[in-house]
Amino acid sequence: MSVVNEPSLRIFTSLQPGDLVELKHQVKVGFRSWETITVGRVVEARRRRHGLHHQRNHDDKAYSDIIVLQRPDGELTTVTLDEFSVLKKISDAKD
């Protein structure tokens, strides 16, 4: 089961490379956190298996929903969706 909120999960599952999206999410570093908005074109959107959990059973699988975005300046960034993420497709004038 995904921890991503239902509206964002519906959008996530429909994403295609080239879609223009806006993602409002929290950035956490140590005890500090702030909200930011990332805008970019989808390069890849998928569920990725990871091993971030310490001392889990070897066959216990953990997944994260990730989006690789290309920002307007060409920078690639990877964001992980969580229950606080708000994902929105932006209509593109080129469509």
N, C-alpha and C. Protein backbone atom coordinates (compact mmCIF):
# COMPACT_ATOMS: atom_id res chain seq x y z
N MET A 1 0.84 -1.19 0.00
CA MET A 1 0.00 0.00 0.00
C MET A 1 0.88 1.24 0.00
N SER A 2 0.49 2.22 -0.75
CA SER A 2 1.25 3.45 -0.87
C SER A 2 0.86 4.43 0.23
N VAL A 3 1.84 5.25 0.67
CA VAL A 3 1.54 6.28 1.66
C VAL A 3 1.18 7.61 0.99
N VAL A 4 1.24 7.65 -0.33
CA VAL A 4 0.94 8.88 -1.08
C VAL A 4 -0.57 9.13 -1.01
N ASN A 5 -0.97 10.40 -0.85
CA ASN A 5 -2.40 10.71 -0.79
C ASN A 5 -3.08 10.35 -2.11
N GLU A 6 -4.37 10.04 -2.03
CA GLU A 6 -5.10 9.48 -3.17
C GLU A 6 -5.10 10.37 -4.42
N PRO A 7 -5.39 11.67 -4.34
CA PRO A 7 -5.37 12.49 -5.57
C PRO A 7 -3.99 12.51 -6.24
N SER A 8 -2.94 12.62 -5.46
CA SER A 8 -1.58 12.64 -6.03
C SER A 8 -1.21 11.29 -6.61
N LEU A 9 -1.67 10.21 -5.97
CA LEU A 9 -1.38 8.86 -6.47
C LEU A 9 -2.05 8.64 -7.82
N ARG A 10 -3.29 9.13 -7.98
CA ARG A 10 -3.98 9.00 -9.27
C ARG A 10 -3.20 9.71 -10.38
N ILE A 11 -2.72 10.90 -10.09
CA ILE A 11 -1.93 11.64 -11.08
C ILE A 11 -0.62 10.91 -11.35
N PHE A 12 0.05 10.45 -10.28
CA PHE A 12 1.33 9.74 -10.42
C PHE A 12 1.21 8.55 -11.36
N THR A 13 0.15 7.76 -11.21
CA THR A 13 0.00 6.56 -12.04
C THR A 13 -0.29 6.88 -13.50
N SER A 14 -0.73 8.12 -13.78
CA SER A 14 -1.04 8.49 -15.17
C SER A 14 0.09 9.27 -15.85
N LEU A 15 1.18 9.53 -15.14
CA LEU A 15 2.26 10.36 -15.70
C LEU A 15 2.96 9.67 -16.87
N GLN A 16 3.29 10.48 -17.86
CA GLN A 16 4.04 10.03 -19.03
C GLN A 16 5.26 10.94 -19.18
N PRO A 17 6.36 10.42 -19.76
CA PRO A 17 7.51 11.29 -20.02
C PRO A 17 7.09 12.50 -20.84
N GLY A 18 7.57 13.67 -20.42
CA GLY A 18 7.23 14.91 -21.11
C GLY A 18 6.12 15.70 -20.44
N ASP A 19 5.34 15.06 -19.55
CA ASP A 19 4.29 15.79 -18.84
C ASP A 19 4.91 16.88 -17.98
N LEU A 20 4.27 18.04 -17.95
CA LEU A 20 4.71 19.15 -17.12
C LEU A 20 3.95 19.09 -15.80
N VAL A 21 4.68 19.03 -14.68
CA VAL A 21 4.04 18.89 -13.38
C VAL A 21 4.58 19.90 -12.38
N GLU A 22 3.79 20.12 -11.34
CA GLU A 22 4.18 20.94 -10.20
C GLU A 22 4.02 20.07 -8.97
N LEU A 23 5.05 20.02 -8.15
CA LEU A 23 5.02 19.19 -6.94
C LEU A 23 5.32 20.05 -5.73
N LYS A 24 4.35 20.13 -4.83
CA LYS A 24 4.57 20.82 -3.56
C LYS A 24 4.95 19.74 -2.55
N HIS A 25 6.12 19.90 -1.93
CA HIS A 25 6.59 18.87 -1.02
C HIS A 25 7.43 19.47 0.09
N GLN A 26 7.67 18.67 1.12
CA GLN A 26 8.49 19.10 2.25
C GLN A 26 9.91 18.62 2.06
N VAL A 27 10.85 19.50 2.40
CA VAL A 27 12.26 19.14 2.41
C VAL A 27 12.68 19.12 3.88
N LYS A 28 13.32 18.03 4.30
CA LYS A 28 13.73 17.89 5.69
C LYS A 28 15.22 17.65 5.76
N VAL A 29 15.88 18.45 6.59
CA VAL A 29 17.31 18.28 6.85
C VAL A 29 17.48 18.39 8.36
N GLY A 30 17.85 17.28 8.98
CA GLY A 30 17.96 17.28 10.44
C GLY A 30 16.61 17.58 11.06
N PHE A 31 16.57 18.55 11.96
CA PHE A 31 15.32 18.93 12.62
C PHE A 31 14.59 20.05 11.88
N ARG A 32 15.18 20.56 10.81
CA ARG A 32 14.55 21.63 10.04
C ARG A 32 13.75 21.05 8.88
N SER A 33 12.67 21.70 8.55
CA SER A 33 11.92 21.31 7.35
C SER A 33 11.24 22.55 6.79
N TRP A 34 11.04 22.56 5.50
CA TRP A 34 10.36 23.65 4.83
C TRP A 34 9.63 23.10 3.62
N GLU A 35 8.64 23.86 3.18
CA GLU A 35 7.85 23.45 2.03
C GLU A 35 8.38 24.16 0.79
N THR A 36 8.43 23.44 -0.31
CA THR A 36 8.92 24.01 -1.56
C THR A 36 8.09 23.49 -2.72
N ILE A 37 8.20 24.14 -3.84
CA ILE A 37 7.49 23.73 -5.05
C ILE A 37 8.53 23.46 -6.13
N THR A 38 8.44 22.29 -6.74
CA THR A 38 9.34 21.91 -7.83
C THR A 38 8.50 21.76 -9.09
N VAL A 39 8.92 22.42 -10.15
CA VAL A 39 8.22 22.36 -11.44
C VAL A 39 9.18 21.78 -12.46
N GLY A 40 8.68 20.86 -13.29
CA GLY A 40 9.53 20.29 -14.33
C GLY A 40 8.78 19.31 -15.20
N ARG A 41 9.50 18.82 -16.20
CA ARG A 41 8.96 17.81 -17.11
C ARG A 41 9.37 16.42 -16.64
N VAL A 42 8.42 15.50 -16.69
CA VAL A 42 8.65 14.14 -16.23
C VAL A 42 9.63 13.44 -17.18
N VAL A 43 10.70 12.92 -16.61
CA VAL A 43 11.64 12.07 -17.35
C VAL A 43 11.26 10.61 -17.08
N GLU A 44 10.93 10.33 -15.81
CA GLU A 44 10.60 8.97 -15.39
C GLU A 44 9.74 9.06 -14.14
N ALA A 45 8.75 8.18 -14.03
CA ALA A 45 7.93 8.06 -12.82
C ALA A 45 7.73 6.58 -12.56
N ARG A 46 8.18 6.12 -11.40
CA ARG A 46 8.03 4.69 -11.11
C ARG A 46 8.14 4.43 -9.63
N ARG A 47 7.82 3.21 -9.26
CA ARG A 47 7.98 2.74 -7.89
C ARG A 47 9.34 2.06 -7.82
N ARG A 48 10.20 2.54 -6.92
CA ARG A 48 11.57 2.03 -6.82
C ARG A 48 11.77 1.28 -5.51
N ARG A 49 12.33 0.11 -5.62
CA ARG A 49 12.66 -0.66 -4.41
C ARG A 49 13.93 -0.07 -3.81
N HIS A 50 13.96 0.01 -2.50
CA HIS A 50 15.16 0.54 -1.85
C HIS A 50 15.45 -0.24 -0.58
N GLY A 51 16.60 0.02 -0.01
CA GLY A 51 17.03 -0.64 1.22
C GLY A 51 17.33 0.36 2.31
N LEU A 52 16.45 1.34 2.48
CA LEU A 52 16.71 2.41 3.44
C LEU A 52 16.43 2.00 4.88
N HIS A 53 15.81 0.86 5.08
CA HIS A 53 15.40 0.48 6.43
C HIS A 53 16.44 -0.44 7.05
N HIS A 54 16.90 -0.08 8.19
CA HIS A 54 17.95 -0.82 8.89
C HIS A 54 17.38 -2.07 9.57
N GLN A 55 18.09 -3.15 9.45
CA GLN A 55 17.80 -4.43 10.11
C GLN A 55 16.40 -4.97 9.79
N ARG A 56 16.04 -4.92 8.51
CA ARG A 56 14.79 -5.54 8.07
C ARG A 56 15.10 -6.96 7.63
N ASN A 57 14.09 -7.78 7.57
CA ASN A 57 14.23 -9.14 7.08
C ASN A 57 14.69 -9.07 5.62
N HIS A 58 15.57 -9.98 5.21
CA HIS A 58 16.14 -9.92 3.85
C HIS A 58 15.10 -9.98 2.76
N ASP A 59 13.93 -10.58 2.98
CA ASP A 59 12.92 -10.65 1.93
C ASP A 59 11.77 -9.65 2.14
N ASP A 60 11.95 -8.73 3.08
CA ASP A 60 10.95 -7.68 3.32
C ASP A 60 11.25 -6.52 2.37
N LYS A 61 10.34 -6.27 1.46
CA LYS A 61 10.59 -5.29 0.41
C LYS A 61 10.02 -3.92 0.80
N ALA A 62 10.78 -2.85 0.56
CA ALA A 62 10.34 -1.47 0.81
C ALA A 62 10.43 -0.71 -0.51
N TYR A 63 9.39 0.07 -0.80
CA TYR A 63 9.30 0.80 -2.06
C TYR A 63 9.02 2.28 -1.83
N SER A 64 9.44 3.11 -2.78
CA SER A 64 9.11 4.53 -2.78
C SER A 64 8.64 4.91 -4.18
N ASP A 65 7.66 5.82 -4.24
CA ASP A 65 7.20 6.35 -5.52
C ASP A 65 8.08 7.56 -5.85
N ILE A 66 8.80 7.48 -6.96
CA ILE A 66 9.75 8.54 -7.32
C ILE A 66 9.41 9.13 -8.69
N ILE A 67 9.75 10.41 -8.85
CA ILE A 67 9.62 11.08 -10.14
C ILE A 67 10.95 11.76 -10.44
N VAL A 68 11.50 11.49 -11.62
CA VAL A 68 12.68 12.20 -12.09
C VAL A 68 12.15 13.32 -12.98
N LEU A 69 12.51 14.55 -12.61
CA LEU A 69 12.04 15.73 -13.34
C LEU A 69 13.20 16.48 -13.97
N GLN A 70 12.95 17.05 -15.15
CA GLN A 70 13.90 17.97 -15.74
C GLN A 70 13.34 19.37 -15.54
N ARG A 71 14.06 20.16 -14.76
CA ARG A 71 13.63 21.52 -14.46
C ARG A 71 13.84 22.42 -15.67
N PRO A 72 13.22 23.60 -15.70
CA PRO A 72 13.34 24.50 -16.86
C PRO A 72 14.77 24.85 -17.25
N ASP A 73 15.70 24.85 -16.27
CA ASP A 73 17.10 25.18 -16.58
C ASP A 73 17.90 23.97 -17.04
N GLY A 74 17.24 22.79 -17.18
CA GLY A 74 17.90 21.58 -17.66
C GLY A 74 18.36 20.65 -16.55
N GLU A 75 18.37 21.12 -15.32
CA GLU A 75 18.79 20.29 -14.18
C GLU A 75 17.83 19.13 -14.01
N LEU A 76 18.39 17.93 -13.73
CA LEU A 76 17.58 16.77 -13.40
C LEU A 76 17.49 16.66 -11.88
N THR A 77 16.30 16.37 -11.38
CA THR A 77 16.12 16.18 -9.94
C THR A 77 15.18 15.01 -9.71
N THR A 78 15.43 14.27 -8.66
CA THR A 78 14.59 13.15 -8.29
C THR A 78 13.86 13.50 -7.01
N VAL A 79 12.55 13.35 -7.02
CA VAL A 79 11.74 13.61 -5.83
C VAL A 79 11.00 12.34 -5.45
N THR A 80 10.87 12.14 -4.16
CA THR A 80 10.14 10.99 -3.63
C THR A 80 8.82 11.49 -3.06
N LEU A 81 7.73 10.88 -3.47
CA LEU A 81 6.42 11.28 -2.98
C LEU A 81 6.16 10.68 -1.61
N ASP A 82 5.48 11.45 -0.76
CA ASP A 82 5.05 10.94 0.53
C ASP A 82 3.64 11.44 0.80
N GLU A 83 3.13 11.22 1.98
CA GLU A 83 1.74 11.58 2.28
C GLU A 83 1.49 13.08 2.29
N PHE A 84 2.55 13.89 2.34
CA PHE A 84 2.41 15.34 2.35
C PHE A 84 2.58 15.97 0.96
N SER A 85 2.98 15.18 -0.03
CA SER A 85 3.22 15.68 -1.39
C SER A 85 1.90 16.00 -2.07
N VAL A 86 1.89 17.12 -2.79
CA VAL A 86 0.71 17.49 -3.60
C VAL A 86 1.20 17.63 -5.03
N LEU A 87 0.77 16.69 -5.87
CA LEU A 87 1.20 16.62 -7.27
C LEU A 87 0.10 17.17 -8.15
N LYS A 88 0.49 17.98 -9.14
CA LYS A 88 -0.49 18.61 -10.03
C LYS A 88 0.10 18.66 -11.44
N LYS A 89 -0.70 18.23 -12.45
CA LYS A 89 -0.30 18.39 -13.84
C LYS A 89 -0.57 19.81 -14.25
N ILE A 90 0.34 20.38 -15.02
CA ILE A 90 0.17 21.75 -15.53
C ILE A 90 -0.12 21.64 -17.02
N SER A 91 -1.17 22.33 -17.45
CA SER A 91 -1.46 22.30 -18.88
C SER A 91 -0.37 23.08 -19.60
N ASP A 92 0.06 22.56 -20.70
CA ASP A 92 1.19 23.12 -21.43
C ASP A 92 0.68 23.78 -22.71
N ALA A 93 1.13 24.98 -22.99
CA ALA A 93 0.70 25.71 -24.18
C ALA A 93 1.09 24.98 -25.47
N LYS A 94 2.10 24.08 -25.38
CA LYS A 94 2.56 23.35 -26.56
C LYS A 94 1.61 22.21 -26.91
N ASP A 95 0.72 21.79 -25.98
CA ASP A 95 -0.17 20.66 -26.22
C ASP A 95 -1.22 20.98 -27.25
